[in-house]
C-alpha atoms as a PDB file:
ATOM      1  CA  MET A   1      16.709 128.742  95.847  1.00  0.00           C
ATOM      2  CA  PHE A   2      18.646 127.596  99.227  1.00  0.00           C
ATOM      3  CA  LEU A   3      19.108 123.929  98.113  1.00  0.00           C
ATOM      4  CA  PRO A   4      21.865 124.519  95.735  1.00  0.00           C
ATOM      5  CA  ILE A   5      23.958 126.498  98.259  1.00  0.00           C
ATOM      6  CA  ARG A   6      23.591 123.790 100.722  1.00  0.00           C
ATOM      7  CA  ILE A   7      24.780 121.334  98.131  1.00  0.00           C
ATOM      8  CA  LEU A   8      27.533 123.120  96.846  1.00  0.00           C
ATOM      9  CA  VAL A   9      28.495 123.612 100.597  1.00  0.00           C
ATOM     10  CA  VAL A  10      28.457 120.047 101.106  1.00  0.00           C
ATOM     11  CA  ALA A  11      30.385 119.494  98.499  1.00  0.00           C
ATOM     12  CA  GLN A  12      33.135 121.729  99.017  1.00  0.00           C
ATOM     13  CA  PHE A  13      33.095 120.134 102.725  1.00  0.00           C
ATOM     14  CA  ASN A  14      33.265 116.614 101.248  1.00  0.00           C
ATOM     15  CA  MET A  15      36.180 117.822  99.154  1.00  0.00           C
ATOM     16  CA  LYS A  16      38.061 119.291 101.747  1.00  0.00           C
ATOM     17  CA  GLY A  17      37.659 115.866 104.059  1.00  0.00           C
ATOM     18  CA  ALA A  18      38.908 114.069 101.105  1.00  0.00           C
ATOM     19  CA  ASN A  19      42.038 116.275 100.722  1.00  0.00           C
ATOM     20  CA  ILE A  20      42.602 115.713 104.592  1.00  0.00           C
ATOM     21  CA  MET A  21      42.376 112.178 104.536  1.00  0.00           C
ATOM     22  CA  ASN A  22      44.642 111.935 101.134  1.00  0.00           C
ATOM     23  CA  ARG A  23      46.945 114.042 102.742  1.00  0.00           C
ATOM     24  CA  THR A  24      47.261 112.103 106.063  1.00  0.00           C
ATOM     25  CA  SER A  25      47.190 108.543 104.058  1.00  0.00           C
ATOM     26  CA  LEU A  26      50.073 110.168 101.891  1.00  0.00           C
ATOM     27  CA  ALA A  27      52.070 111.446 105.548  1.00  0.00           C
ATOM     28  CA  ILE A  28      51.533 108.057 106.763  1.00  0.00           C
ATOM     29  CA  VAL A  29      52.722 105.811 103.888  1.00  0.00           C
ATOM     30  CA  SER A  30      55.670 108.639 103.589  1.00  0.00           C
ATOM     31  CA  GLU A  31      56.677 107.764 107.322  1.00  0.00           C
ATOM     32  CA  SER A  32      56.314 104.447 106.655  1.00  0.00           C
ATOM     33  CA  ASP A  33      58.782 104.508 103.631  1.00  0.00           C
ATOM     34  CA  GLN A  34      61.168 106.344 105.610  1.00  0.00           C
ATOM     35  CA  LEU A  35      61.304 103.790 108.042  1.00  0.00           C
ATOM     36  CA  GLU A  36      61.595 101.299 105.563  1.00  0.00           C
ATOM     37  CA  ARG A  37      64.696 103.252 104.161  1.00  0.00           C
ATOM     38  CA  ASP A  38      66.152 103.921 107.655  1.00  0.00           C
ATOM     39  CA  ARG A  39      66.202 100.193 108.148  1.00  0.00           C
ATOM     40  CA  PHE A  40      67.528  99.167 104.979  1.00  0.00           C
ATOM     41  CA  ASN A  41      70.414 101.951 105.218  1.00  0.00           C
ATOM     42  CA  GLN A  42      71.265 100.532 108.879  1.00  0.00           C
ATOM     43  CA  TRP A  43      71.272  96.893 107.301  1.00  0.00           C
ATOM     44  CA  PHE A  44      73.556  98.118 104.552  1.00  0.00           C
ATOM     45  CA  LYS A  45      76.069 100.037 106.689  1.00  0.00           C
ATOM     46  CA  GLU A  46      76.479  96.924 109.161  1.00  0.00           C
ATOM     47  CA  GLU A  47      76.652  94.452 106.124  1.00  0.00           C
ATOM     48  CA  PHE A  48      79.256  96.957 104.750  1.00  0.00           C
ATOM     49  CA  GLU A  49      81.254  97.147 107.378  1.00  0.00           C
ATOM     50  CA  LYS A  50      81.751  93.349 108.026  1.00  0.00           C
ATOM     51  CA  GLU A  51      82.468  92.632 104.729  1.00  0.00           C
ATOM     52  CA  SER A  52      84.892  95.431 104.711  1.00  0.00           C
ATOM     53  CA  ASN A  53      86.552  94.071 108.014  1.00  0.00           C
ATOM     54  CA  ILE A  54      86.823  90.690 106.425  1.00  0.00           C
ATOM     55  CA  ARG A  55      88.577  91.996 103.491  1.00  0.00           C
ATOM     56  CA  ALA A  56      90.871  94.070 105.364  1.00  0.00           C
ATOM     57  CA  GLU A  57      91.724  90.957 107.565  1.00  0.00           C
ATOM     58  CA  ALA A  58      92.165  89.095 104.465  1.00  0.00           C
ATOM     59  CA  LYS A  59      94.211  91.648 102.933  1.00  0.00           C
ATOM     60  CA  THR A  60      97.974  91.459 102.768  1.00  0.00           C
ATOM     61  CA  ASN A  61      99.979  94.302 104.021  1.00  0.00           C
ATOM     62  CA  THR A  62     102.875  95.773 101.684  1.00  0.00           C
ATOM     63  CA  MET A  63     105.754  97.545 102.279  1.00  0.00           C
ATOM     64  CA  ALA A  64     108.583  99.216  99.828  1.00  0.00           C
ATOM     65  CA  LEU A  65     111.570 100.429 101.042  1.00  0.00           C
ATOM     66  CA  ILE A  66     114.299 102.630  99.111  1.00  0.00           C
ATOM     67  CA  ALA A  67     117.791 101.925 100.369  1.00  0.00           C
ATOM     68  CA  THR A  68     120.341 104.555  99.245  1.00  0.00           C
ATOM     69  CA  LYS A  69     122.909 104.416 101.797  1.00  0.00           C
ATOM     70  CA  GLY A  70     126.031 102.139 101.717  1.00  0.00           C
ATOM     71  CA  THR A  71     127.676 102.256 105.169  1.00  0.00           C
ATOM     72  CA  LEU A  72     127.642  99.851 108.076  1.00  0.00           C
ATOM     73  CA  ASP A  73     125.335 101.318 110.214  1.00  0.00           C
ATOM     74  CA  TRP A  74     122.617 102.392 107.854  1.00  0.00           C
ATOM     75  CA  ALA A  75     122.788  99.000 106.187  1.00  0.00           C
ATOM     76  CA  TYR A  76     120.980  97.707 109.424  1.00  0.00           C
ATOM     77  CA  PRO A  77     117.537  99.891 109.138  1.00  0.00           C
ATOM     78  CA  PRO A  78     116.301  98.470 105.750  1.00  0.00           C
ATOM     79  CA  PHE A  79     117.119  94.899 106.499  1.00  0.00           C
ATOM     80  CA  ILE A  80     115.869  94.764 110.141  1.00  0.00           C
ATOM     81  CA  LEU A  81     112.595  96.550 108.851  1.00  0.00           C
ATOM     82  CA  ALA A  82     112.092  94.020 105.749  1.00  0.00           C
ATOM     83  CA  SER A  83     112.973  90.974 107.691  1.00  0.00           C
ATOM     84  CA  THR A  84     110.553  91.898 110.577  1.00  0.00           C
ATOM     85  CA  ALA A  85     107.973  92.902 108.262  1.00  0.00           C
ATOM     86  CA  SER A  86     108.319  89.732 106.071  1.00  0.00           C
ATOM     87  CA  ALA A  87     108.200  87.674 109.492  1.00  0.00           C
ATOM     88  CA  LEU A  88     104.589  89.184 109.998  1.00  0.00           C
ATOM     89  CA  GLY A  89     103.275  88.020 106.589  1.00  0.00           C
ATOM     90  CA  TRP A  90     104.045  91.571 105.012  1.00  0.00           C
ATOM     91  CA  GLU A  91     105.031  91.487 101.244  1.00  0.00           C
ATOM     92  CA  VAL A  92     108.418  93.436 101.117  1.00  0.00           C
ATOM     93  CA  SER A  93     110.067  94.858  98.146  1.00  0.00           C
ATOM     94  CA  ILE A  94     113.545  97.123  98.562  1.00  0.00           C
ATOM     95  CA  PHE A  95     114.935  99.312  96.102  1.00  0.00           C
ATOM     96  CA  PHE A  96     118.703  99.690  96.084  1.00  0.00           C
ATOM     97  CA  SER A  97     119.825 103.052  94.409  1.00  0.00           C
ATOM     98  CA  PHE A  98     123.462 104.783  94.619  1.00  0.00           C
ATOM     99  CA  TYR A  99     125.591 103.789  97.188  1.00  0.00           C
ATOM    100  CA  GLY A 100     122.750 101.330  98.688  1.00  0.00           C
ATOM    101  CA  LEU A 101     123.696  98.964  96.164  1.00  0.00           C
ATOM    102  CA  GLU A 102     127.104  98.200  98.275  1.00  0.00           C
ATOM    103  CA  LEU A 103     124.421  96.319 100.243  1.00  0.00           C
ATOM    104  CA  LEU A 104     123.687  93.940  97.459  1.00  0.00           C
ATOM    105  CA  LYS A 105     127.517  92.859  96.736  1.00  0.00           C
ATOM    106  CA  LYS A 106     128.724  89.084  97.300  1.00  0.00           C
ATOM    107  CA  ASP A 107     131.732  90.863  99.448  1.00  0.00           C
ATOM    108  CA  LEU A 108     130.414  93.110 101.784  1.00  0.00           C
ATOM    109  CA  GLN A 109     133.204  96.001 102.354  1.00  0.00           C
ATOM    110  CA  LEU A 110     130.725  97.806 104.566  1.00  0.00           C
ATOM    111  CA  GLY A 111     132.530 100.526 106.532  1.00  0.00           C
ATOM    112  CA  VAL A 112     131.388 103.378 109.093  1.00  0.00           C
ATOM    113  CA  SER A 113     132.460 106.501 109.981  1.00  0.00           C
ATOM    114  CA  PRO A 114     132.066 109.100 112.668  1.00  0.00           C
ATOM    115  CA  LEU A 115     133.225 112.100 111.152  1.00  0.00           C
ATOM    116  CA  GLY A 116     130.198 114.092 110.023  1.00  0.00           C
ATOM    117  CA  ASN A 117     128.107 111.836 111.937  1.00  0.00           C
ATOM    118  CA  PRO A 118     127.460 113.512 115.314  1.00  0.00           C
ATOM    119  CA  ALA A 119     124.644 111.053 116.314  1.00  0.00           C
ATOM    120  CA  MET A 120     127.140 108.218 116.556  1.00  0.00           C
ATOM    121  CA  PRO A 121     127.729 107.390 119.990  1.00  0.00           C
ATOM    122  CA  MET A 122     131.980 106.550 120.450  1.00  0.00           C
ATOM    123  CA  LYS A 123     131.790 104.057 123.176  1.00  0.00           C
ATOM    124  CA  MET A 124     134.547 101.265 123.891  1.00  0.00           C
ATOM    125  CA  PRO A 125     133.196  97.862 123.763  1.00  0.00           C
ATOM    126  CA  ILE A 126     135.625  96.800 126.015  1.00  0.00           C
ATOM    127  CA  GLY A 127     136.422  97.466 129.888  1.00  0.00           C
ATOM    128  CA  PRO A 128     134.437  97.485 133.221  1.00  0.00           C
ATOM    129  CA  GLU A 129     130.499  98.567 132.659  1.00  0.00           C
ATOM    130  CA  TRP A 130     131.031 102.459 133.806  1.00  0.00           C
ATOM    131  CA  PHE A 131     134.027 102.608 131.186  1.00  0.00           C
ATOM    132  CA  ARG A 132     131.919 101.229 128.225  1.00  0.00           C
ATOM    133  CA  GLY A 133     129.255 103.837 129.092  1.00  0.00           C
ATOM    134  CA  ILE A 134     131.145 106.692 128.514  1.00  0.00           C
ATOM    135  CA  ASP A 135     130.390 108.582 125.398  1.00  0.00           C
ATOM    136  CA  TRP A 136     133.617 109.978 124.098  1.00  0.00           C
ATOM    137  CA  LYS A 137     132.919 113.293 121.894  1.00  0.00           C
ATOM    138  CA  ILE A 138     135.902 113.754 119.944  1.00  0.00           C
ATOM    139  CA  PRO A 139     135.907 116.577 117.293  1.00  0.00           C
ATOM    140  CA  ASN A 140     135.767 115.822 114.031  1.00  0.00           C
ATOM    141  CA  ILE A 141     139.282 117.457 113.600  1.00  0.00           C
ATOM    142  CA  VAL A 142     141.159 114.876 116.142  1.00  0.00           C
ATOM    143  CA  MET A 143     139.137 111.999 114.388  1.00  0.00           C
ATOM    144  CA  GLY A 144     140.380 112.979 110.799  1.00  0.00           C
ATOM    145  CA  ASN A 145     143.727 113.389 111.651  1.00  0.00           C
ATOM    146  CA  ILE A 146     144.402 109.732 113.373  1.00  0.00           C
ATOM    147  CA  PRO A 147     145.370 107.388 111.003  1.00  0.00           C
ATOM    148  CA  GLY A 148     143.214 104.471 111.031  1.00  0.00           C
ATOM    149  CA  PHE A 149     140.503 106.379 113.430  1.00  0.00           C
ATOM    150  CA  GLU A 150     137.531 104.901 111.182  1.00  0.00           C
ATOM    151  CA  LEU A 151     139.304 101.474 110.759  1.00  0.00           C
ATOM    152  CA  MET A 152     139.160 101.792 114.641  1.00  0.00           C
ATOM    153  CA  ALA A 153     135.520 102.903 114.799  1.00  0.00           C
ATOM    154  CA  LYS A 154     134.416 100.180 112.455  1.00  0.00           C
ATOM    155  CA  SER A 155     135.891  97.379 114.784  1.00  0.00           C
ATOM    156  CA  MET A 156     134.411  98.950 117.818  1.00  0.00           C
ATOM    157  CA  PHE A 157     131.250  99.051 116.146  1.00  0.00           C
ATOM    158  CA  ASN A 158     131.174  95.631 115.072  1.00  0.00           C
ATOM    159  CA  SER A 159     132.347  94.379 118.649  1.00  0.00           C
ATOM    160  CA  THR A 160     129.450  96.081 120.119  1.00  0.00           C
ATOM    161  CA  LEU A 161     127.117  94.498 117.632  1.00  0.00           C
ATOM    162  CA  LYS A 162     128.545  91.078 118.884  1.00  0.00           C
ATOM    163  CA  GLN A 163     128.220  91.557 122.553  1.00  0.00           C
ATOM    164  CA  LYS A 164     124.545  92.633 121.914  1.00  0.00           C
ATOM    165  CA  GLY A 165     123.770  89.668 120.141  1.00  0.00           C
ATOM    166  CA  VAL A 166     122.743  91.589 116.997  1.00  0.00           C
ATOM    167  CA  ALA A 167     123.094  90.037 113.864  1.00  0.00           C
ATOM    168  CA  SER A 168     125.368  90.912 111.144  1.00  0.00           C
ATOM    169  CA  ILE A 169     124.423  92.502 107.914  1.00  0.00           C
ATOM    170  CA  GLU A 170     125.378  89.012 106.277  1.00  0.00           C
ATOM    171  CA  GLU A 171     122.960  87.314 108.553  1.00  0.00           C
ATOM    172  CA  LEU A 172     120.185  89.563 107.836  1.00  0.00           C
ATOM    173  CA  ARG A 173     120.222  89.953 104.280  1.00  0.00           C
ATOM    174  CA  SER A 174     120.167  86.080 104.334  1.00  0.00           C
ATOM    175  CA  ALA A 175     116.990  86.362 106.317  1.00  0.00           C
ATOM    176  CA  CYS A 176     115.408  88.553 103.787  1.00  0.00           C
ATOM    177  CA  ILE A 177     116.330  86.188 101.211  1.00  0.00           C
ATOM    178  CA  GLU A 178     114.862  83.147 102.779  1.00  0.00           C
ATOM    179  CA  ALA A 179     111.446  85.497 103.500  1.00  0.00           C
ATOM    180  CA  GLU A 180     111.196  85.815  99.867  1.00  0.00           C
ATOM    181  CA  VAL A 181     111.949  89.538 100.219  1.00  0.00           C
ATOM    182  CA  LYS A 182     112.197  91.300  96.742  1.00  0.00           C
ATOM    183  CA  LEU A 183     115.711  92.855  96.276  1.00  0.00           C
ATOM    184  CA  VAL A 184     115.528  95.270  93.238  1.00  0.00           C
ATOM    185  CA  ALA A 185     118.617  96.856  91.991  1.00  0.00           C
ATOM    186  CA  CYS A 186     118.638 100.399  90.290  1.00  0.00           C
ATOM    187  CA  GLN A 187     120.010  99.611  86.701  1.00  0.00           C
ATOM    188  CA  MET A 188     120.795 103.220  86.166  1.00  0.00           C
ATOM    189  CA  THR A 189     123.512 103.270  89.328  1.00  0.00           C
ATOM    190  CA  VAL A 190     124.667  99.878  88.229  1.00  0.00           C
ATOM    191  CA  ASP A 191     125.742 101.534  84.843  1.00  0.00           C
ATOM    192  CA  LEU A 192     126.495 104.965  86.247  1.00  0.00           C
ATOM    193  CA  PHE A 193     129.104 103.123  88.649  1.00  0.00           C
ATOM    194  CA  GLY A 194     130.318 100.882  86.180  1.00  0.00           C
ATOM    195  CA  TYR A 195     129.359  97.524  88.090  1.00  0.00           C
ATOM    196  CA  SER A 196     129.111  94.363  86.780  1.00  0.00           C
ATOM    197  CA  LYS A 197     125.914  92.122  87.515  1.00  0.00           C
ATOM    198  CA  THR A 198     128.154  89.522  88.650  1.00  0.00           C
ATOM    199  CA  ASP A 199     129.088  91.694  91.299  1.00  0.00           C
ATOM    200  CA  PHE A 200     126.039  91.247  93.269  1.00  0.00           C
ATOM    201  CA  VAL A 201     124.288  88.404  94.699  1.00  0.00           C
ATOM    202  CA  PRO A 202     122.190  86.207  92.411  1.00  0.00           C
ATOM    203  CA  GLU A 203     118.877  86.538  94.591  1.00  0.00           C
ATOM    204  CA  VAL A 204     118.500  90.176  93.159  1.00  0.00           C
ATOM    205  CA  ALA A 205     115.287  89.753  91.550  1.00  0.00           C
ATOM    206  CA  GLU A 206     114.791  93.012  88.879  1.00  0.00           C
ATOM    207  CA  TRP A 207     117.267  95.454  87.456  1.00  0.00           C
ATOM    208  CA  VAL A 208     114.961  98.112  86.780  1.00  0.00           C
ATOM    209  CA  GLY A 209     114.834 102.118  87.069  1.00  0.00           C
ATOM    210  CA  ALA A 210     113.147 104.403  89.413  1.00  0.00           C
ATOM    211  CA  ALA A 211     110.190 104.524  86.597  1.00  0.00           C
ATOM    212  CA  SER A 212     109.519 100.899  87.397  1.00  0.00           C
ATOM    213  CA  PHE A 213     109.721 100.947  90.822  1.00  0.00           C
ATOM    214  CA  LEU A 214     107.579 103.764  91.595  1.00  0.00           C
ATOM    215  CA  PRO A 215     104.141 102.393  90.686  1.00  0.00           C
ATOM    216  CA  LEU A 216     104.865  99.613  92.996  1.00  0.00           C
ATOM    217  CA  ALA A 217     105.592 101.874  95.830  1.00  0.00           C
ATOM    218  CA  ALA A 218     102.529 104.016  95.419  1.00  0.00           C
ATOM    219  CA  LYS A 219     100.439 101.016  96.133  1.00  0.00           C
ATOM    220  CA  ALA A 220     102.104 100.191  99.077  1.00  0.00           C
ATOM    221  CA  ASP A 221     100.836 100.369 102.258  1.00  0.00           C
ATOM    222  CA  VAL A 222     104.118 101.645 103.589  1.00  0.00           C
ATOM    223  CA  CYS A 223     106.806 103.165 101.667  1.00  0.00           C
ATOM    224  CA  LEU A 224     110.125 104.492 103.579  1.00  0.00           C
ATOM    225  CA  TYR A 225     113.016 106.270 102.371  1.00  0.00           C
ATOM    226  CA  ILE A 226     116.427 105.387 103.992  1.00  0.00           C
END
Protein backbone atom coordinates (compact mmCIF):
# COMPACT_ATOMS: atom_id res chain seq x y z
CA MET A 1 0.00 0.00 0.00
CA PHE A 2 2.93 2.32 0.72
CA LEU A 3 4.89 1.37 -2.42
CA PRO A 4 2.91 3.51 -4.89
CA ILE A 5 3.20 6.47 -2.57
CA ARG A 6 7.00 6.03 -2.39
CA ILE A 7 7.21 5.75 -6.18
CA LEU A 8 5.09 8.87 -6.52
CA VAL A 9 7.31 10.79 -4.10
CA VAL A 10 10.47 9.63 -5.88
CA ALA A 11 8.97 10.53 -9.22
CA GLN A 12 8.05 14.00 -8.01
CA PHE A 13 11.56 14.47 -6.57
CA ASN A 14 13.14 13.36 -9.83
CA MET A 15 10.93 15.81 -11.74
CA LYS A 16 11.89 18.65 -9.41
CA GLY A 17 15.56 17.74 -9.75
CA ALA A 18 15.26 17.70 -13.52
CA ASN A 19 13.58 21.11 -13.46
CA ILE A 20 16.36 22.52 -11.28
CA MET A 21 19.00 21.11 -13.62
CA ASN A 22 17.17 22.49 -16.65
CA ARG A 23 16.91 25.92 -15.05
CA THR A 24 20.60 25.80 -14.14
CA SER A 25 21.51 24.82 -17.69
CA LEU A 26 19.36 27.59 -19.10
CA ALA A 27 20.97 30.07 -16.74
CA ILE A 28 24.45 29.00 -17.86
CA VAL A 29 23.45 29.21 -21.53
CA SER A 30 21.79 32.58 -20.97
CA GLU A 31 24.89 33.93 -19.20
CA SER A 32 27.08 32.63 -22.02
CA ASP A 33 24.86 34.26 -24.62
CA GLN A 34 24.94 37.56 -22.75
CA LEU A 35 28.74 37.40 -22.61
CA GLU A 36 28.89 36.80 -26.36
CA ARG A 37 26.48 39.68 -26.97
CA ASP A 38 28.58 41.98 -24.79
CA ARG A 39 31.73 40.98 -26.68
CA PHE A 40 30.03 41.54 -30.01
CA ASN A 41 28.64 44.93 -28.93
CA GLN A 42 32.09 46.03 -27.76
CA TRP A 43 33.68 44.85 -31.02
CA PHE A 44 31.00 46.57 -33.09
CA LYS A 45 31.38 49.82 -31.13
CA GLU A 46 35.15 49.85 -31.66
CA GLU A 47 34.86 49.06 -35.37
CA PHE A 48 32.12 51.66 -35.83
CA GLU A 49 34.17 54.37 -34.13
CA LYS A 50 37.21 53.39 -36.21
CA GLU A 51 35.23 53.59 -39.46
CA SER A 52 33.61 56.88 -38.41
CA ASN A 53 37.02 58.40 -37.73
CA ILE A 54 38.29 57.27 -41.13
CA ARG A 55 35.26 58.80 -42.86
CA ALA A 56 35.57 62.02 -40.86
CA GLU A 57 39.22 62.40 -41.83
CA ALA A 58 38.44 61.73 -45.48
CA LYS A 59 35.47 64.13 -45.60
CA THR A 60 36.03 67.56 -47.11
CA ASN A 61 34.65 70.39 -44.97
CA THR A 62 32.35 72.86 -46.69
CA MET A 63 31.47 76.47 -45.98
CA ALA A 64 28.72 78.68 -47.38
CA LEU A 65 28.92 82.46 -46.99
CA ILE A 66 26.21 85.02 -47.70
CA ALA A 67 27.65 88.47 -48.44
CA THR A 68 25.20 91.37 -48.42
CA LYS A 69 27.40 94.40 -47.67
CA GLY A 70 29.16 96.46 -50.34
CA THR A 71 31.45 98.77 -48.40
CA LEU A 72 35.23 98.54 -48.10
CA ASP A 73 35.24 97.47 -44.45
CA TRP A 74 32.56 94.81 -44.96
CA ALA A 75 34.30 93.43 -48.06
CA TYR A 76 37.13 91.94 -46.01
CA PRO A 77 35.30 89.35 -43.85
CA PRO A 78 33.86 87.17 -46.66
CA PHE A 79 37.04 87.15 -48.75
CA ILE A 80 39.33 86.55 -45.76
CA LEU A 81 37.18 83.71 -44.46
CA ALA A 82 36.80 82.18 -47.92
CA SER A 83 40.49 82.34 -48.82
CA THR A 84 41.52 80.97 -45.42
CA ALA A 85 39.06 78.06 -45.52
CA SER A 86 40.06 77.26 -49.09
CA ALA A 87 43.73 77.21 -48.07
CA LEU A 88 42.78 74.62 -45.45
CA GLY A 89 41.27 72.42 -48.14
CA TRP A 90 37.63 73.35 -47.63
CA GLU A 91 35.06 73.73 -50.39
CA VAL A 92 33.74 77.29 -50.21
CA SER A 93 30.82 79.08 -51.86
CA ILE A 94 29.90 82.76 -51.49
CA PHE A 95 26.40 84.01 -52.33
CA PHE A 96 26.51 87.73 -53.14
CA SER A 97 23.15 89.42 -52.70
CA PHE A 98 21.93 93.04 -52.67
CA TYR A 99 24.83 95.42 -51.95
CA GLY A 100 27.22 92.50 -51.74
CA LEU A 101 27.15 92.39 -55.54
CA GLU A 102 29.48 95.41 -55.48
CA LEU A 103 32.25 93.02 -54.47
CA LEU A 104 31.93 91.17 -57.78
CA LYS A 105 32.19 94.16 -60.08
CA LYS A 106 35.12 94.45 -62.45
CA ASP A 107 35.69 98.04 -61.40
CA LEU A 108 35.73 98.08 -57.62
CA GLN A 109 34.72 101.45 -56.22
CA LEU A 110 34.21 100.57 -52.58
CA GLY A 111 33.79 103.31 -50.04
CA VAL A 112 33.72 103.34 -46.27
CA SER A 113 31.74 105.59 -43.99
CA PRO A 114 32.19 106.14 -40.26
CA LEU A 115 28.68 107.62 -40.13
CA GLY A 116 26.39 105.31 -38.21
CA ASN A 117 29.36 103.01 -37.57
CA PRO A 118 30.40 103.74 -33.98
CA ALA A 119 32.67 100.69 -33.78
CA MET A 120 34.90 102.00 -36.55
CA PRO A 121 38.08 103.48 -35.02
CA MET A 122 39.12 106.88 -36.35
CA LYS A 123 42.90 106.82 -36.19
CA MET A 124 45.45 108.80 -38.14
CA PRO A 125 47.73 106.71 -40.39
CA ILE A 126 50.51 109.29 -40.13
CA GLY A 127 52.56 110.87 -37.36
CA PRO A 128 54.35 109.43 -34.31
CA GLU A 129 53.13 106.22 -32.75
CA TRP A 130 51.40 107.90 -29.82
CA PHE A 131 49.51 110.14 -32.24
CA ARG A 132 48.48 107.24 -34.49
CA GLY A 133 47.15 105.42 -31.43
CA ILE A 134 44.56 108.10 -30.65
CA ASP A 135 40.99 107.10 -31.51
CA TRP A 136 39.31 110.34 -32.51
CA LYS A 137 35.68 110.18 -31.40
CA ILE A 138 34.07 112.59 -33.83
CA PRO A 139 30.29 113.13 -33.52
CA ASN A 140 28.17 112.14 -36.52
CA ILE A 141 26.83 115.67 -36.83
CA VAL A 142 30.38 116.92 -37.36
CA MET A 143 31.38 114.17 -39.79
CA GLY A 144 28.21 114.60 -41.79
CA ASN A 145 28.78 118.33 -42.27
CA ILE A 146 32.42 118.26 -43.31
CA PRO A 147 32.72 118.11 -47.12
CA GLY A 148 34.81 115.17 -48.30
CA PHE A 149 34.94 113.52 -44.88
CA GLU A 150 33.99 110.07 -46.21
CA LEU A 151 36.63 110.32 -48.92
CA MET A 152 39.19 111.20 -46.25
CA ALA A 153 38.02 108.27 -44.11
CA LYS A 154 38.47 105.91 -47.08
CA SER A 155 41.97 107.24 -47.72
CA MET A 156 42.91 106.82 -44.05
CA PHE A 157 41.48 103.30 -44.03
CA ASN A 158 43.45 102.26 -47.12
CA SER A 159 46.64 103.83 -45.75
CA THR A 160 46.29 101.89 -42.50
CA LEU A 161 45.73 98.63 -44.38
CA LYS A 162 48.80 99.24 -46.50
CA GLN A 163 50.97 100.06 -43.48
CA LYS A 164 49.85 96.88 -41.73
CA GLY A 165 50.56 94.77 -44.81
CA VAL A 166 46.93 93.74 -45.32
CA ALA A 167 46.06 92.63 -48.85
CA SER A 168 43.67 94.73 -50.90
CA ILE A 169 40.18 93.53 -51.80
CA GLU A 170 41.32 92.97 -55.39
CA GLU A 171 44.13 90.74 -54.16
CA LEU A 172 41.90 88.79 -51.80
CA ARG A 173 39.28 88.30 -54.49
CA SER A 174 41.93 87.06 -56.91
CA ALA A 175 43.22 84.67 -54.24
CA CYS A 176 39.71 83.28 -53.80
CA ILE A 177 39.31 82.84 -57.55
CA GLU A 178 42.66 81.04 -57.80
CA ALA A 179 41.63 78.79 -54.90
CA GLU A 180 38.44 77.89 -56.80
CA VAL A 181 36.07 79.50 -54.35
CA LYS A 182 32.64 79.37 -55.94
CA LEU A 183 31.29 82.89 -56.54
CA VAL A 184 27.51 82.95 -56.82
CA ALA A 185 25.53 86.07 -57.77
CA CYS A 186 21.90 86.69 -56.81
CA GLN A 187 20.02 86.97 -60.10
CA MET A 188 17.04 88.67 -58.45
CA THR A 189 19.24 91.49 -57.13
CA VAL A 190 20.98 91.85 -60.50
CA ASP A 191 17.56 92.37 -62.13
CA LEU A 192 16.36 94.62 -59.30
CA PHE A 193 19.28 97.04 -59.60
CA GLY A 194 19.36 96.90 -63.38
CA TYR A 195 22.86 95.49 -63.58
CA SER A 196 24.30 93.66 -66.57
CA LYS A 197 26.32 90.48 -66.31
CA THR A 198 29.10 92.24 -68.15
CA ASP A 199 29.51 94.54 -65.10
CA PHE A 200 30.91 91.65 -63.11
CA VAL A 201 34.05 89.54 -63.19
CA PRO A 202 33.79 86.57 -65.56
CA GLU A 203 34.61 84.14 -62.74
CA VAL A 204 31.05 84.31 -61.39
CA ALA A 205 30.08 80.63 -61.41
CA GLU A 206 26.30 80.91 -61.17
CA TRP A 207 23.47 83.40 -61.40
CA VAL A 208 20.74 82.01 -59.16
CA GLY A 209 18.15 82.92 -56.58
CA ALA A 210 17.96 82.16 -52.88
CA ALA A 211 15.93 78.98 -53.53
CA SER A 212 18.88 77.51 -55.42
CA PHE A 213 21.52 78.51 -52.88
CA LEU A 214 19.71 77.49 -49.68
CA PRO A 215 19.99 73.70 -50.28
CA LEU A 216 23.76 74.17 -50.64
CA ALA A 217 23.88 76.21 -47.43
CA ALA A 218 21.80 73.60 -45.60
CA LYS A 219 24.40 70.90 -46.35
CA ALA A 220 27.43 73.06 -45.48
CA ASP A 221 29.40 72.36 -42.31
CA VAL A 222 29.69 76.11 -41.72
CA CYS A 223 27.19 78.70 -42.94
CA LEU A 224 27.71 82.41 -42.21
CA TYR A 225 25.67 85.52 -43.02
CA ILE A 226 27.83 88.61 -43.40
